[in-house]
Amino acid sequence: MPLLEVENLGVRFARKDAPPIDAVSGVSFHLEAGKTLGIVGESGSGKSQTVMALLGLLAANGSTSGAARYRGQDLLAMNARALNAVRGDRIAMIFQDPMTSLNPFLTIERQMTESLQLHRKLSRREATKRAIDALESVRIPDAARRIRMYPHEFSGGMRQRVMIAMALLSEPEVLIADEPTTALDVTVQAQIIDLLRELNRERGTAIVLITHDMGVVAGLADDVMVMYAGRTVEYAPAESIFAAPSHPYTIGLLNALPRLTDADDAPLVAIPGNPPLPGLALGGCAFAQRCGYAQHACRAERPVLQTYGAAGAVRACHRPVNDMTGGLR
């Protein structure tokens, strides 16, 4: 049985004097121990709201539908007390921006030991020792001294390592990493990816990796879910996604990646236009206005997910898979 199984997840935000916004609609996926699922898409595609819903971290005007089962227990149906027992303990999250996620007024030690004292009932001394060990495991030098520092005394890469260490303190079974390499230089990005891969391999930690960077996904993910306008447009094994993408949006994301074989003056290949505004009523496929393959049916009728090719692969597109041949540069 999968550790985490999400079925038909919906996220809706109520608005005063305006219709509600459906930020996520009909999203389903599963995650097994020791596996990594990459969730990709442009900003505003619903990636972060999907996982925020699982952990009960939506804004006050947000509501959910569907089911999200962790070891058979529906996270969406849990009361606050039951969810707190799981959140930060069995399921942990690395938030997108470590500078705003860490409290600037508290030392790293205080912020790390709090969860251990809450979930594991450890003494302050025991919790501090465990926290130092966690900092050392993410390769922060002189951890015993640095743990008494404040977040502003760390570089961006070091703060990201602190966030990873905090998430791993309770040895969670599921780790959600929301843009873990954003705003980091390429050297630090590579170190963070190596660290996540090591956790995945050596501890059997299941990882949900949320990113807009297909290159990061290529280095970590076993399966990939591509989201656009709050919906899944393609879901397949990573090797299938990168070797033979079958949805025009996935093809566009991959074509936007620079290649070593490109000439120095080669222009970047961008997807034309912009994603639709949240709450905008769309009669057909949300990607139709930006899609070079769009036909009349795409603008008139929303495509549903259908299986294709590799085992477990699905896509939502009116065009046949063989019509996508040659789209990937």
Protein backbone atom coordinates (compact mmCIF):
# COMPACT_ATOMS: atom_id res chain seq x y z
CA MET A 1 0.00 0.00 0.00
CA PRO A 2 1.37 3.48 -0.87
CA LEU A 3 2.50 5.67 2.02
CA LEU A 4 0.56 8.60 0.57
CA GLU A 5 -2.41 8.32 -1.74
CA VAL A 6 -4.25 11.39 -3.03
CA GLU A 7 -7.54 11.04 -4.91
CA ASN A 8 -9.45 13.76 -6.74
CA LEU A 9 -8.05 16.55 -4.57
CA GLY A 10 -9.68 19.94 -4.91
CA VAL A 11 -8.70 23.25 -3.30
CA ARG A 12 -11.11 26.19 -3.36
CA PHE A 13 -10.72 29.72 -2.01
CA ALA A 14 -13.80 31.74 -1.10
CA ARG A 15 -13.93 35.45 -2.00
CA LYS A 16 -16.12 38.29 -0.82
CA ASP A 17 -18.55 39.53 -3.48
CA ALA A 18 -16.98 37.26 -6.12
CA PRO A 19 -17.19 33.62 -7.17
CA PRO A 20 -14.78 31.24 -5.44
CA ILE A 21 -11.47 30.31 -7.06
CA ASP A 22 -10.66 26.67 -7.74
CA ALA A 23 -6.88 26.61 -7.30
CA VAL A 24 -6.60 22.81 -7.60
CA SER A 25 -9.06 20.44 -9.29
CA GLY A 26 -9.15 16.66 -9.58
CA VAL A 27 -5.51 15.98 -8.68
CA SER A 28 -4.57 12.36 -7.88
CA PHE A 29 -1.20 10.73 -7.19
CA HIS A 30 0.45 8.13 -4.97
CA LEU A 31 3.84 7.83 -3.30
CA GLU A 32 5.65 4.74 -2.05
CA ALA A 33 8.52 4.46 0.46
CA GLY A 34 11.91 5.29 -1.02
CA LYS A 35 10.41 6.92 -4.11
CA THR A 36 10.39 10.54 -5.30
CA LEU A 37 7.51 12.26 -7.07
CA GLY A 38 8.32 15.47 -8.91
CA ILE A 39 5.48 17.97 -9.27
CA VAL A 40 6.32 20.55 -11.93
CA GLY A 41 4.72 23.52 -13.60
CA GLU A 42 4.94 27.30 -13.84
CA SER A 43 4.19 29.58 -10.91
CA GLY A 44 0.47 29.55 -10.18
CA SER A 45 -0.11 26.03 -11.47
CA GLY A 46 -1.29 24.79 -8.06
CA LYS A 47 1.80 22.85 -6.95
CA SER A 48 2.25 24.41 -3.51
CA GLN A 49 -1.47 24.63 -2.77
CA THR A 50 -1.73 20.89 -3.42
CA VAL A 51 0.68 20.01 -0.63
CA MET A 52 -0.46 22.81 1.67
CA ALA A 53 -3.92 21.23 1.52
CA LEU A 54 -2.51 17.85 2.60
CA LEU A 55 -1.00 19.39 5.73
CA GLY A 56 -3.92 21.64 6.64
CA LEU A 57 -1.91 24.80 5.92
CA LEU A 58 -4.27 26.59 3.56
CA ALA A 59 -5.30 30.19 4.14
CA ALA A 60 -8.39 30.73 6.30
CA ASN A 61 -10.66 31.09 3.25
CA GLY A 62 -9.44 27.81 1.73
CA SER A 63 -11.33 24.51 1.69
CA THR A 64 -10.60 21.04 0.34
CA SER A 65 -12.42 18.14 -1.30
CA GLY A 66 -11.42 14.62 -2.25
CA ALA A 67 -9.19 12.38 -0.12
CA ALA A 68 -5.52 12.29 0.93
CA ARG A 69 -4.65 9.10 2.79
CA TYR A 70 -1.43 8.63 4.74
CA ARG A 71 -1.15 4.95 5.70
CA GLY A 72 -4.89 4.65 5.15
CA GLN A 73 -5.83 7.67 7.30
CA ASP A 74 -7.47 10.57 5.47
CA LEU A 75 -5.48 13.72 6.28
CA LEU A 76 -8.28 15.95 5.00
CA ALA A 77 -10.75 14.45 7.49
CA MET A 78 -8.49 14.73 10.55
CA ASN A 79 -9.17 17.22 13.34
CA ALA A 80 -6.42 19.68 14.29
CA ARG A 81 -5.05 17.53 17.11
CA ALA A 82 -4.75 14.38 15.00
CA LEU A 83 -3.18 16.31 12.12
CA ASN A 84 -0.62 17.92 14.44
CA ALA A 85 0.49 14.44 15.50
CA VAL A 86 1.32 13.63 11.86
CA ARG A 87 2.45 17.03 10.58
CA GLY A 88 6.10 17.76 11.33
CA ASP A 89 6.58 14.22 12.60
CA ARG A 90 5.59 11.51 10.08
CA ILE A 91 5.17 14.02 7.24
CA ALA A 92 7.59 16.96 7.18
CA MET A 93 7.98 19.89 4.82
CA ILE A 94 10.85 22.02 3.59
CA PHE A 95 9.27 25.39 2.85
CA GLN A 96 10.07 27.45 -0.21
CA ASP A 97 11.85 30.44 1.34
CA PRO A 98 14.10 29.62 4.32
CA MET A 99 14.57 33.29 5.24
CA THR A 100 10.86 33.91 5.78
CA SER A 101 10.14 30.39 7.09
CA LEU A 102 12.68 30.68 9.90
CA ASN A 103 11.84 32.98 12.82
CA PRO A 104 14.41 35.83 12.80
CA PHE A 105 13.98 36.39 16.55
CA LEU A 106 14.79 32.84 17.66
CA THR A 107 18.07 30.95 17.52
CA ILE A 108 18.39 27.94 15.26
CA GLU A 109 18.60 25.80 18.41
CA ARG A 110 15.26 26.99 19.74
CA GLN A 111 13.52 26.47 16.42
CA MET A 112 14.93 22.98 15.95
CA THR A 113 14.40 21.63 19.46
CA GLU A 114 10.75 22.72 19.67
CA SER A 115 9.45 19.91 17.45
CA LEU A 116 11.50 17.26 19.26
CA GLN A 117 10.21 18.39 22.63
CA LEU A 118 6.66 18.40 21.27
CA HIS A 119 6.61 15.15 19.27
CA ARG A 120 9.31 13.09 20.99
CA LYS A 121 9.01 14.48 24.55
CA LEU A 122 12.79 14.90 24.77
CA SER A 123 14.53 17.08 27.33
CA ARG A 124 16.12 20.33 26.15
CA ARG A 125 19.60 18.77 26.36
CA GLU A 126 18.61 15.64 24.43
CA ALA A 127 16.81 17.69 21.82
CA THR A 128 19.82 19.98 21.34
CA LYS A 129 22.15 17.00 20.87
CA ARG A 130 19.79 15.52 18.27
CA ALA A 131 19.56 18.90 16.52
CA ILE A 132 23.35 19.22 16.35
CA ASP A 133 23.58 15.73 14.86
CA ALA A 134 20.98 16.73 12.26
CA LEU A 135 22.95 19.85 11.30
CA GLU A 136 26.09 17.76 10.93
CA SER A 137 24.19 15.28 8.73
CA VAL A 138 23.41 18.09 6.27
CA ARG A 139 27.09 19.08 6.32
CA ILE A 140 26.93 22.31 8.31
CA PRO A 141 30.44 22.80 9.76
CA ASP A 142 30.96 23.57 13.45
CA ALA A 143 27.32 22.72 14.14
CA ALA A 144 27.66 22.89 17.95
CA ARG A 145 28.57 26.58 17.68
CA ARG A 146 26.40 27.54 14.75
CA ILE A 147 23.23 26.12 16.33
CA ARG A 148 23.23 29.07 18.75
CA MET A 149 23.21 31.59 15.90
CA TYR A 150 20.24 33.39 14.34
CA PRO A 151 19.00 32.83 10.77
CA HIS A 152 20.48 36.10 9.43
CA GLU A 153 23.95 34.83 10.35
CA PHE A 154 23.66 32.01 7.80
CA SER A 155 24.03 32.17 4.03
CA GLY A 156 21.08 31.23 1.80
CA GLY A 157 22.48 27.77 1.18
CA MET A 158 23.12 27.19 4.88
CA ARG A 159 19.59 28.33 5.79
CA GLN A 160 18.22 25.84 3.28
CA ARG A 161 20.30 23.11 4.93
CA VAL A 162 18.89 24.15 8.31
CA MET A 163 15.35 23.78 6.90
CA ILE A 164 16.21 20.28 5.66
CA ALA A 165 17.74 19.35 9.02
CA MET A 166 14.62 20.59 10.83
CA ALA A 167 12.39 18.54 8.55
CA LEU A 168 14.47 15.41 9.18
CA LEU A 169 14.72 15.66 12.96
CA SER A 170 11.82 13.32 13.59
CA GLU A 171 12.88 10.97 10.76
CA PRO A 172 9.68 11.44 8.73
CA GLU A 173 8.45 8.83 6.29
CA VAL A 174 7.34 11.50 3.81
CA LEU A 175 9.33 14.65 3.05
CA ILE A 176 7.73 17.45 1.02
CA ALA A 177 10.33 19.75 -0.54
CA ASP A 178 8.81 22.95 -1.97
CA GLU A 179 11.29 24.57 -4.37
CA PRO A 180 14.29 23.47 -2.22
CA THR A 181 16.85 24.96 -4.63
CA THR A 182 15.19 28.29 -5.48
CA ALA A 183 17.54 31.34 -5.33
CA LEU A 184 20.60 29.15 -4.70
CA ASP A 185 23.66 29.17 -6.92
CA VAL A 186 24.27 26.10 -9.04
CA THR A 187 26.96 24.67 -6.75
CA VAL A 188 24.70 24.80 -3.70
CA GLN A 189 21.80 23.46 -5.79
CA ALA A 190 23.87 20.41 -6.67
CA GLN A 191 24.73 19.87 -3.00
CA ILE A 192 21.06 20.05 -1.96
CA ILE A 193 20.06 17.60 -4.71
CA ASP A 194 22.81 15.19 -3.62
CA LEU A 195 21.61 15.48 -0.03
CA LEU A 196 17.99 14.71 -0.94
CA ARG A 197 19.10 11.78 -3.09
CA GLU A 198 21.13 10.42 -0.17
CA LEU A 199 18.14 10.67 2.19
CA ASN A 200 15.98 8.93 -0.37
CA ARG A 201 18.44 6.09 -0.89
CA GLU A 202 19.82 5.52 2.62
CA ARG A 203 16.79 6.25 4.81
CA GLY A 204 14.03 5.19 2.44
CA THR A 205 12.38 8.59 2.82
CA ALA A 206 9.59 9.19 0.31
CA ILE A 207 9.92 12.64 -1.24
CA VAL A 208 7.46 14.97 -2.94
CA LEU A 209 9.60 17.45 -4.88
CA ILE A 210 7.81 20.62 -5.98
CA THR A 211 9.65 22.73 -8.54
CA HIS A 212 9.44 24.60 -11.83
CA ASP A 213 12.96 23.38 -12.71
CA MET A 214 12.86 20.31 -14.93
CA GLY A 215 16.61 19.89 -14.50
CA VAL A 216 16.19 19.33 -10.76
CA VAL A 217 13.44 16.80 -11.43
CA ALA A 218 15.67 14.91 -13.86
CA GLY A 219 18.22 14.37 -11.10
CA LEU A 220 15.82 13.12 -8.44
CA ALA A 221 12.34 12.00 -9.49
CA ASP A 222 11.07 8.51 -10.17
CA ASP A 223 7.69 9.79 -11.38
CA VAL A 224 6.65 13.23 -12.62
CA MET A 225 3.29 14.99 -12.38
CA VAL A 226 2.96 18.04 -14.63
CA MET A 227 0.39 20.62 -13.49
CA TYR A 228 -1.18 23.52 -15.34
CA ALA A 229 -3.93 25.85 -14.11
CA GLY A 230 -4.57 23.67 -11.07
CA ARG A 231 -4.94 20.38 -12.96
CA THR A 232 -2.77 17.43 -13.86
CA VAL A 233 -1.97 17.45 -17.59
CA GLU A 234 0.54 14.58 -17.60
CA TYR A 235 1.68 11.98 -15.06
CA ALA A 236 4.27 9.35 -15.99
CA PRO A 237 7.58 7.74 -14.99
CA ALA A 238 10.43 10.27 -15.20
CA GLU A 239 12.28 8.42 -17.95
CA SER A 240 9.12 8.48 -20.08
CA ILE A 241 8.56 12.19 -19.47
CA PHE A 242 12.08 13.14 -20.53
CA ALA A 243 12.45 10.67 -23.41
CA ALA A 244 9.00 11.03 -24.98
CA PRO A 245 6.77 13.72 -23.42
CA SER A 246 3.24 13.49 -24.78
CA HIS A 247 1.52 16.70 -23.65
CA PRO A 248 2.23 20.01 -25.44
CA TYR A 249 2.81 21.78 -22.11
CA THR A 250 5.37 19.19 -20.99
CA ILE A 251 7.08 19.50 -24.36
CA GLY A 252 7.15 23.29 -23.92
CA LEU A 253 8.74 23.04 -20.47
CA LEU A 254 11.45 20.70 -21.74
CA ASN A 255 12.13 22.79 -24.83
CA ALA A 256 12.68 25.82 -22.58
CA LEU A 257 15.68 24.11 -20.98
CA PRO A 258 19.02 25.33 -22.40
CA ARG A 259 21.23 22.59 -23.80
CA LEU A 260 25.00 22.19 -23.91
CA THR A 261 24.70 21.66 -27.66
CA ASP A 262 23.03 25.05 -28.20
CA ALA A 263 25.10 27.74 -29.91
CA ASP A 264 26.29 30.61 -27.72
CA ASP A 265 23.91 33.03 -29.44
CA ALA A 266 20.96 30.62 -29.61
CA PRO A 267 17.76 32.25 -28.33
CA LEU A 268 15.93 30.71 -25.41
CA VAL A 269 12.79 28.81 -26.43
CA ALA A 270 9.87 30.08 -24.35
CA ILE A 271 6.24 29.02 -24.15
CA PRO A 272 4.27 31.95 -25.67
CA GLY A 273 1.78 33.88 -23.56
CA ASN A 274 1.04 33.55 -19.85
CA PRO A 275 -0.89 31.10 -17.66
CA PRO A 276 -4.59 31.98 -17.19
CA LEU A 277 -5.52 34.13 -14.22
CA PRO A 278 -6.93 32.23 -11.21
CA GLY A 279 -10.70 32.09 -11.31
CA LEU A 280 -10.92 32.73 -15.05
CA ALA A 281 -13.69 30.63 -16.61
CA LEU A 282 -12.30 28.43 -19.38
CA GLY A 283 -14.53 26.47 -21.72
CA GLY A 284 -11.94 24.00 -22.97
CA CYS A 285 -8.31 23.12 -22.33
CA ALA A 286 -6.65 25.75 -20.14
CA PHE A 287 -3.47 25.52 -22.25
CA ALA A 288 -5.23 25.95 -25.62
CA GLN A 289 -4.42 29.68 -25.98
CA ARG A 290 -0.68 28.96 -25.73
CA CYS A 291 -0.59 25.61 -27.55
CA GLY A 292 0.77 25.17 -31.06
CA TYR A 293 -1.19 21.92 -31.43
CA ALA A 294 -4.59 23.38 -30.45
CA GLN A 295 -7.62 22.57 -32.57
CA HIS A 296 -11.33 23.40 -32.29
CA ALA A 297 -12.06 20.63 -29.75
CA CYS A 298 -9.35 22.02 -27.44
CA ARG A 299 -11.19 25.31 -27.07
CA ALA A 300 -14.63 23.76 -26.78
CA GLU A 301 -14.15 20.79 -24.44
CA ARG A 302 -11.85 20.17 -21.49
CA PRO A 303 -9.77 17.00 -22.07
CA VAL A 304 -9.81 14.28 -19.42
CA LEU A 305 -6.89 12.17 -18.24
CA GLN A 306 -6.40 9.04 -20.32
CA THR A 307 -3.77 6.31 -20.13
CA TYR A 308 -1.04 6.07 -22.74
CA GLY A 309 2.33 4.41 -23.36
CA ALA A 310 4.30 3.56 -20.20
CA ALA A 311 2.61 1.73 -17.31
CA GLY A 312 0.62 4.15 -15.16
CA ALA A 313 1.13 7.09 -17.53
CA VAL A 314 -1.79 9.46 -18.13
CA ARG A 315 -2.29 12.67 -20.09
CA ALA A 316 -5.09 15.18 -20.70
CA CYS A 317 -4.98 16.16 -24.37
CA HIS A 318 -7.30 15.87 -27.37
CA ARG A 319 -4.44 15.28 -29.82
CA PRO A 320 -3.27 11.67 -30.28
CA VAL A 321 0.12 10.80 -28.80
CA ASN A 322 1.64 10.17 -32.25
CA ASP A 323 0.74 13.75 -33.26
CA MET A 324 3.30 14.98 -30.70
CA THR A 325 6.21 13.36 -32.55
CA GLY A 326 8.92 15.85 -33.36
CA GLY A 327 7.74 18.44 -30.86
CA LEU A 328 10.68 17.92 -28.52
CA ARG A 329 13.74 19.71 -29.86
